[in-house]
Protein backbone atom coordinates (compact mmCIF):
# COMPACT_ATOMS: atom_id res chain seq x y z
CA UNK A 1 6.17 17.57 8.82
CA UNK A 2 8.36 14.67 8.84
CA UNK A 3 7.09 11.42 11.06
CA UNK A 4 10.02 12.20 13.33
CA UNK A 5 8.22 15.71 14.05
CA UNK A 6 4.99 13.92 15.32
CA UNK A 7 4.27 12.64 18.79
CA UNK A 8 4.91 9.04 18.68
CA UNK A 9 1.26 8.62 20.07
CA UNK A 10 -2.02 11.09 20.60
CA UNK A 11 -4.13 10.54 23.44
CA UNK A 12 -5.76 7.63 23.36
CA UNK A 13 -9.55 6.88 22.45
CA UNK A 14 -12.02 5.18 24.79
CA UNK A 15 -10.59 1.71 24.26
CA UNK A 16 -7.22 3.22 26.17
CA UNK A 17 -5.09 1.72 23.07
CA UNK A 18 -3.14 5.21 22.09
CA UNK A 19 -3.58 6.55 18.58
CA UNK A 20 -0.66 6.66 15.92
CA UNK A 21 0.29 8.45 12.64
CA UNK A 22 -1.21 5.82 10.77
CA UNK A 23 -4.33 5.43 12.15
CA UNK A 24 -7.50 6.46 10.21
CA UNK A 25 -10.46 6.73 13.14
CA UNK A 26 -11.07 4.74 16.41
CA UNK A 27 -11.62 2.02 14.70
CA UNK A 28 -9.59 1.65 11.49
CA UNK A 29 -6.19 1.25 13.39
CA UNK A 30 -2.89 1.52 10.59
CA UNK A 31 0.74 -0.15 11.01
CA UNK A 32 3.71 0.70 9.02
CA UNK A 33 5.89 -2.13 8.18
CA UNK A 34 9.06 -0.17 6.99
CA UNK A 35 7.76 1.66 4.24
CA UNK A 36 4.12 0.24 3.43
CA UNK A 37 0.69 -0.03 5.78
CA UNK A 38 -1.52 -2.38 6.61
CA UNK A 39 -4.93 -1.67 8.12
CA UNK A 40 -7.06 -3.12 11.14
CA UNK A 41 -10.59 -2.33 10.59
CA UNK A 42 -12.69 -3.09 13.56
CA UNK A 43 -13.70 -1.87 17.19
CA UNK A 44 -10.41 -2.25 19.60
CA UNK A 45 -11.65 -4.42 22.58
CA UNK A 46 -10.84 -8.34 23.44
CA UNK A 47 -13.26 -10.52 21.44
CA UNK A 48 -14.40 -7.98 18.59
CA UNK A 49 -14.57 -8.56 15.30
CA UNK A 50 -12.01 -7.42 12.76
CA UNK A 51 -11.04 -7.09 9.26
CA UNK A 52 -7.24 -7.12 7.99
CA UNK A 53 -6.81 -5.01 4.86
CA UNK A 54 -3.40 -5.73 3.06
CA UNK A 55 -0.29 -8.38 4.59
CA UNK A 56 2.88 -5.80 4.13
CA UNK A 57 6.28 -7.44 3.65
CA UNK A 58 7.50 -11.14 4.23
CA UNK A 59 8.76 -11.81 7.00
CA UNK A 60 6.09 -9.51 9.73
CA UNK A 61 3.44 -12.03 9.72
CA UNK A 62 4.86 -12.14 13.66
CA UNK A 63 4.68 -8.50 14.22
CA UNK A 64 0.77 -8.35 12.71
CA UNK A 65 -0.27 -10.86 14.89
CA UNK A 66 1.24 -9.06 17.82
CA UNK A 67 -0.64 -5.65 17.12
CA UNK A 68 -3.90 -7.71 16.12
CA UNK A 69 -3.82 -9.47 19.62
CA UNK A 70 -2.98 -5.61 21.03
CA UNK A 71 -6.08 -4.58 19.59
CA UNK A 72 -8.17 -7.49 19.88
CA UNK A 73 -6.95 -9.83 22.54
CA UNK A 74 -5.16 -13.02 22.98
CA UNK A 75 -5.48 -15.71 19.89
CA UNK A 76 -7.77 -13.24 18.01
CA UNK A 77 -8.31 -13.51 14.01
CA UNK A 78 -9.73 -11.37 11.43
CA UNK A 79 -13.11 -12.53 9.98
CA UNK A 80 -11.39 -11.93 6.36
CA UNK A 81 -8.39 -10.37 4.93
CA UNK A 82 -8.89 -8.02 1.99
CA UNK A 83 -6.36 -6.90 -0.62
CA UNK A 84 -6.35 -3.59 -2.11
CA UNK A 85 -4.00 -5.34 -4.80
CA UNK A 86 -1.43 -8.37 -5.08
CA UNK A 87 1.57 -6.17 -5.07
CA UNK A 88 4.61 -8.39 -2.89
CA UNK A 89 5.01 -5.23 -0.39
CA UNK A 90 1.11 -5.91 -0.02
CA UNK A 91 0.85 -9.57 0.24
CA UNK A 92 4.40 -10.74 1.68
CA UNK A 93 3.38 -11.82 5.09
CA UNK A 94 0.10 -13.18 3.67
CA UNK A 95 1.07 -16.95 3.67
CA UNK A 96 2.23 -17.03 6.79
CA UNK A 97 -1.01 -15.86 8.58
CA UNK A 98 -3.49 -18.24 6.85
CA UNK A 99 -1.07 -20.78 8.36
CA UNK A 100 -2.83 -19.86 11.18
CA UNK A 101 -5.53 -17.58 10.05
CA UNK A 102 -8.22 -20.33 8.50
CA UNK A 103 -10.03 -17.04 6.71
CA UNK A 104 -11.18 -15.61 2.97
CA UNK A 105 -9.17 -13.62 1.48
CA UNK A 106 -10.82 -11.38 -0.96
CA UNK A 107 -9.41 -9.49 -3.95
CA UNK A 108 -11.30 -7.48 -7.06
CA UNK A 109 -11.48 -9.87 -10.00
CA UNK A 110 -8.76 -8.32 -11.92
CA UNK A 111 -6.23 -9.43 -9.49
CA UNK A 112 -7.15 -13.12 -9.81
CA UNK A 113 -4.30 -14.41 -12.19
CA UNK A 114 -1.77 -12.63 -9.91
CA UNK A 115 -3.15 -14.49 -6.91
CA UNK A 116 -4.14 -17.84 -8.08
CA UNK A 117 -0.54 -18.36 -9.83
CA UNK A 118 -1.27 -17.62 -13.42
CA UNK A 119 0.66 -14.46 -14.31
CA UNK A 120 3.31 -12.21 -13.08
CA UNK A 121 2.55 -8.56 -12.58
CA UNK A 122 3.96 -6.30 -15.59
CA UNK A 123 7.65 -5.76 -14.44
CA UNK A 124 8.28 -2.41 -12.92
CA UNK A 125 9.36 1.07 -14.55
CA UNK A 126 13.05 2.03 -13.18
CA UNK A 127 13.19 4.13 -16.09
CA UNK A 128 11.08 6.86 -14.47
CA UNK A 129 14.18 7.71 -12.17
CA UNK A 130 12.94 10.41 -9.56
CA UNK A 131 14.61 8.32 -6.82
CA UNK A 132 16.20 5.17 -5.01
CA UNK A 133 13.08 3.50 -4.99
CA UNK A 134 12.32 3.71 -8.17
CA UNK A 135 15.90 3.39 -9.59
CA UNK A 136 15.99 -0.35 -7.04
CA UNK A 137 12.40 -1.41 -8.27
CA UNK A 138 13.49 -3.57 -11.27
CA UNK A 139 14.57 -5.82 -7.96
CA UNK A 140 11.15 -5.90 -6.27
CA UNK A 141 9.18 -9.40 -7.23
CA UNK A 142 6.27 -9.27 -9.64
CA UNK A 143 4.92 -12.69 -8.18
CA UNK A 144 2.47 -14.62 -8.76
CA UNK A 145 1.55 -16.18 -5.67
CA UNK A 146 -1.07 -18.61 -5.14
CA UNK A 147 -3.90 -18.63 -2.82
CA UNK A 148 -5.77 -21.13 -4.35
CA UNK A 149 -9.42 -21.83 -2.88
CA UNK A 150 -8.92 -18.89 -0.20
CA UNK A 151 -9.31 -15.76 -2.80
CA UNK A 152 -12.84 -15.06 -3.05
CA UNK A 153 -13.73 -12.57 -5.68
CA UNK A 154 -15.24 -8.88 -5.14
CA UNK A 155 -16.28 -6.02 -7.66
CA UNK A 156 -16.83 -2.44 -7.71
CA UNK A 157 -19.80 -1.81 -5.46
CA UNK A 158 -19.65 -5.03 -3.48
CA UNK A 159 -19.92 -5.00 0.52
CA UNK A 160 -17.34 -7.66 1.76
CA UNK A 161 -18.52 -9.71 4.80
CA UNK A 162 -17.79 -8.97 8.20
CA UNK A 163 -17.00 -4.90 6.65
CA UNK A 164 -20.88 -3.60 6.97
CA UNK A 165 -21.23 -0.45 5.81
CA UNK A 166 -18.01 -0.80 3.96
CA UNK A 167 -18.35 -0.86 -0.31
CA UNK A 168 -15.50 -1.84 -2.95
CA UNK A 169 -14.14 1.27 -5.14
CA UNK A 170 -12.66 -0.09 -7.93
CA UNK A 171 -9.44 2.24 -8.51
CA UNK A 172 -7.21 0.75 -11.09
CA UNK A 173 -4.00 2.68 -12.78
CA UNK A 174 -1.19 1.46 -9.80
CA UNK A 175 -2.76 -2.33 -10.64
CA UNK A 176 -5.25 -3.91 -12.73
CA UNK A 177 -7.73 -4.65 -10.04
CA UNK A 178 -6.91 -1.79 -7.16
CA UNK A 179 -9.50 -1.52 -4.74
CA UNK A 180 -9.91 1.07 -2.06
CA UNK A 181 -12.74 0.68 0.69
CA UNK A 182 -15.31 3.46 1.75
CA UNK A 183 -17.39 3.85 4.57
CA UNK A 184 -20.30 6.19 3.72
CA UNK A 185 -21.68 7.12 7.06
CA UNK A 186 -18.81 8.67 7.89
CA UNK A 187 -16.91 9.24 4.92
CA UNK A 188 -14.08 7.15 6.20
CA UNK A 189 -11.55 5.76 3.07
CA UNK A 190 -8.66 3.40 2.92
CA UNK A 191 -7.13 4.24 -0.32
CA UNK A 192 -4.40 1.59 -0.38
CA UNK A 193 -2.39 2.82 -3.15
CA UNK A 194 -4.83 4.76 -5.34
CA UNK A 195 -2.46 7.85 -4.15
CA UNK A 196 -0.01 8.31 -1.33
CA UNK A 197 1.11 10.73 1.31
CA UNK A 198 4.77 10.12 0.82
CA UNK A 199 7.03 10.38 -2.18
CA UNK A 200 7.53 6.64 -2.49
CA UNK A 201 10.18 7.17 -4.87
CA UNK A 202 12.44 8.76 -2.55
CA UNK A 203 14.30 6.58 0.28
CA UNK A 204 14.95 9.77 1.84
CA UNK A 205 10.93 11.00 1.62
CA UNK A 206 9.85 7.37 3.00
CA UNK A 207 12.34 7.41 5.73
CA UNK A 208 11.04 10.76 6.69
CA UNK A 209 7.62 10.17 6.23
CA UNK A 210 6.94 13.86 5.10
CA UNK A 211 3.59 14.22 4.76
CA UNK A 212 2.95 15.22 0.35
CA UNK A 213 0.32 14.08 -1.62
CA UNK A 214 1.33 11.62 -4.64
CA UNK A 215 -0.16 9.65 -7.02
CA UNK A 216 0.86 5.68 -6.84
CA UNK A 217 4.06 4.78 -6.54
CA UNK A 218 5.50 5.25 -10.05
CA UNK A 219 7.91 2.39 -10.82
CA UNK A 220 4.95 0.16 -10.46
CA UNK A 221 2.00 1.89 -11.98
CA UNK A 222 0.93 0.41 -15.47
CA UNK A 223 -1.94 2.55 -16.68
CA UNK A 224 -1.43 6.12 -16.07
CA UNK A 225 -4.97 7.60 -17.20
CA UNK A 226 -6.60 4.95 -15.29
CA UNK A 227 -4.58 6.49 -12.23
CA UNK A 228 -5.73 9.83 -12.76
CA UNK A 229 -9.52 8.32 -12.93
CA UNK A 230 -9.18 6.58 -10.11
CA UNK A 231 -7.80 9.55 -8.03
CA UNK A 232 -10.64 11.87 -9.47
CA UNK A 233 -13.60 9.21 -8.37
CA UNK A 234 -11.83 9.20 -4.94
CA UNK A 235 -11.84 13.00 -4.39
CA UNK A 236 -15.56 13.13 -5.77
CA UNK A 237 -16.55 10.78 -2.78
CA UNK A 238 -15.16 13.75 -0.54
CA UNK A 239 -13.51 11.52 2.23
CA UNK A 240 -12.92 12.93 5.80
CA UNK A 241 -10.16 10.89 6.57
CA UNK A 242 -8.20 8.68 4.85
CA UNK A 243 -5.58 5.56 5.18
CA UNK A 244 -2.79 4.67 2.37
CA UNK A 245 -0.68 2.49 1.45
CA UNK A 246 2.58 4.63 1.69
CA UNK A 247 2.48 7.53 4.30
CA UNK A 248 0.64 8.61 7.09
CA UNK A 249 -3.05 8.64 7.40
CA UNK A 250 -4.64 12.45 6.60
CA UNK A 251 -7.90 13.89 8.10
CA UNK A 252 -10.26 17.03 7.77
CA UNK A 253 -9.02 20.03 5.62
CA UNK A 254 -5.52 18.62 5.00
CA UNK A 255 -7.09 15.59 3.39
CA UNK A 256 -9.98 17.51 1.26
CA UNK A 257 -7.23 20.55 0.19
CA UNK A 258 -4.50 17.73 -0.85
CA UNK A 259 -6.57 15.19 -2.45
CA UNK A 260 -8.88 18.15 -4.67
CA UNK A 261 -5.27 19.49 -5.78
CA UNK A 262 -3.85 15.76 -6.74
CA UNK A 263 -6.88 15.33 -8.79
CA UNK A 264 -6.86 18.14 -10.62
CA UNK A 265 -3.00 18.54 -10.79
CA UNK A 266 -2.31 14.83 -11.25
CA UNK A 267 -0.38 15.04 -14.63
CA UNK A 268 1.90 17.48 -12.94
CA UNK A 269 2.21 15.99 -9.47
CA UNK A 270 2.26 12.70 -10.69
CA UNK A 271 2.89 11.18 -14.02
CA UNK A 272 6.60 10.69 -14.62
CA UNK A 273 8.02 12.36 -17.98
CA UNK A 274 9.45 9.61 -19.28
CA UNK A 275 9.03 5.70 -18.77
CA UNK A 276 7.72 2.14 -20.19
CA UNK A 277 4.12 2.94 -19.58
CA UNK A 278 3.54 6.79 -19.70
CA UNK A 279 2.03 6.91 -22.78
CA UNK A 280 1.35 3.37 -23.56
CA UNK A 281 -0.58 1.28 -20.56
CA UNK A 282 -0.13 -2.51 -19.97
CA UNK A 283 -3.18 -4.05 -20.67
CA UNK A 284 -4.60 -7.45 -18.85
CA UNK A 285 -7.49 -9.34 -18.09
CA UNK A 286 -8.72 -12.29 -15.89
CA UNK A 287 -6.31 -14.23 -17.27
CA UNK A 288 -3.00 -12.03 -16.81
CA UNK A 289 -0.98 -10.12 -19.19
CA UNK A 290 -2.40 -9.15 -23.01
CA UNK A 291 -0.05 -6.70 -24.24
CA UNK A 292 2.35 -4.31 -22.73
CA UNK A 293 4.27 -1.35 -24.34
CA UNK A 294 8.02 -2.13 -25.89
CA UNK A 295 10.91 -1.79 -22.97
CA UNK A 296 12.83 1.03 -22.28
CA UNK A 297 16.16 0.76 -20.96
CA UNK A 298 16.99 1.19 -17.63
CA UNK A 299 20.95 0.45 -17.66
CA UNK A 300 21.37 3.47 -15.76
CA UNK A 301 18.84 2.68 -13.16
CA UNK A 302 20.22 -0.45 -13.19
CA UNK A 303 23.72 0.89 -12.19
CA UNK A 304 22.32 3.63 -9.68
CA UNK A 305 20.51 0.58 -7.98
CA UNK A 306 23.35 -1.63 -7.66
CA UNK A 307 25.32 1.40 -6.54
CA UNK A 308 22.53 2.52 -3.76
CA UNK A 309 23.04 -1.50 -2.60
CA UNK A 310 26.58 -1.20 -2.72
CA UNK A 311 26.53 1.77 -0.68
CA UNK A 312 24.23 0.24 2.32
CA UNK A 313 26.34 -2.92 2.43
CA UNK A 314 29.60 -0.79 3.04
CA UNK A 315 28.06 1.24 5.40
CA UNK A 316 27.07 -1.65 7.53
CA UNK A 317 30.62 -3.37 7.09
CA UNK A 318 32.49 -0.81 7.59
CA UNK A 319 34.17 -0.30 10.82
CA UNK A 320 32.01 2.26 12.98
CA UNK A 321 29.06 1.81 10.42
CA UNK A 322 27.49 -0.01 13.72
CA UNK A 323 25.57 1.30 15.98
CA UNK A 324 27.86 -0.83 18.54
CA UNK A 325 30.68 1.71 18.47
CA UNK A 326 28.87 4.34 19.41
CA UNK A 327 27.91 2.32 22.34
CA UNK A 328 31.50 2.10 23.69
């Protein structure tokens, strides 16, 4: 069901704050930032402690702080920020947030080179095709960023300070140190980009937020066999509710059926037929990139990407393309 067909806000929980399609439970609230989600873990209410998961796109620090204050009261700050991984759409507002919030940032050890300024991520793979987001992905930044002493590392199975009852699940494939978070008591999952609930390759799907299960965003996934194993690992946890990095949150039978099918039919549902990393993964370690497959040509993707950008620019500049004329 497209997000436009969903209720804008469901009934409020005990806190009185309405639930949205991106909220996972009453104490795991989601927020969509253009095409990526961040999560606030903590019981809403003034003065309550909470943790932020991921930091969205550049330029949205103010909106994240505003939502945090709506949930937890004026002047609030998290106990910590957890990164499922360090791609630009999950860290874009991070440095701006850290100018006001003096808090630690937790990420997996294998994300260290990309978050301490040592290495770029392996480049995206526009040659997978399949939609406008993929065609434009060669333009997306790959870092690195340097968080300095703010960065604290975690490993598989660890519990992060401030997140009692949650454990880290290492779910590589999309990124070397990609992690998900799982709460055993009610089987709540924050999957990051290990799997998603929209076709992130397609601008149309991203705009409508139609719910459909997919593996990680293909244009940034560097190890497809690891990505498959990560989805299978999450499926074995049998989660009852899940928030994802792209798309609406899913619950109950919808989640169990969709994730189980994805785990069993991952190749057909998610792995591209061609692309740089399809047959050979990029190899990284704590110091950065060790080896990558040879580049594949993306001249066609680049041309389509430029064409798409030109089309958007013409629409915005062409008389009548602005909504101002519609108001007259």
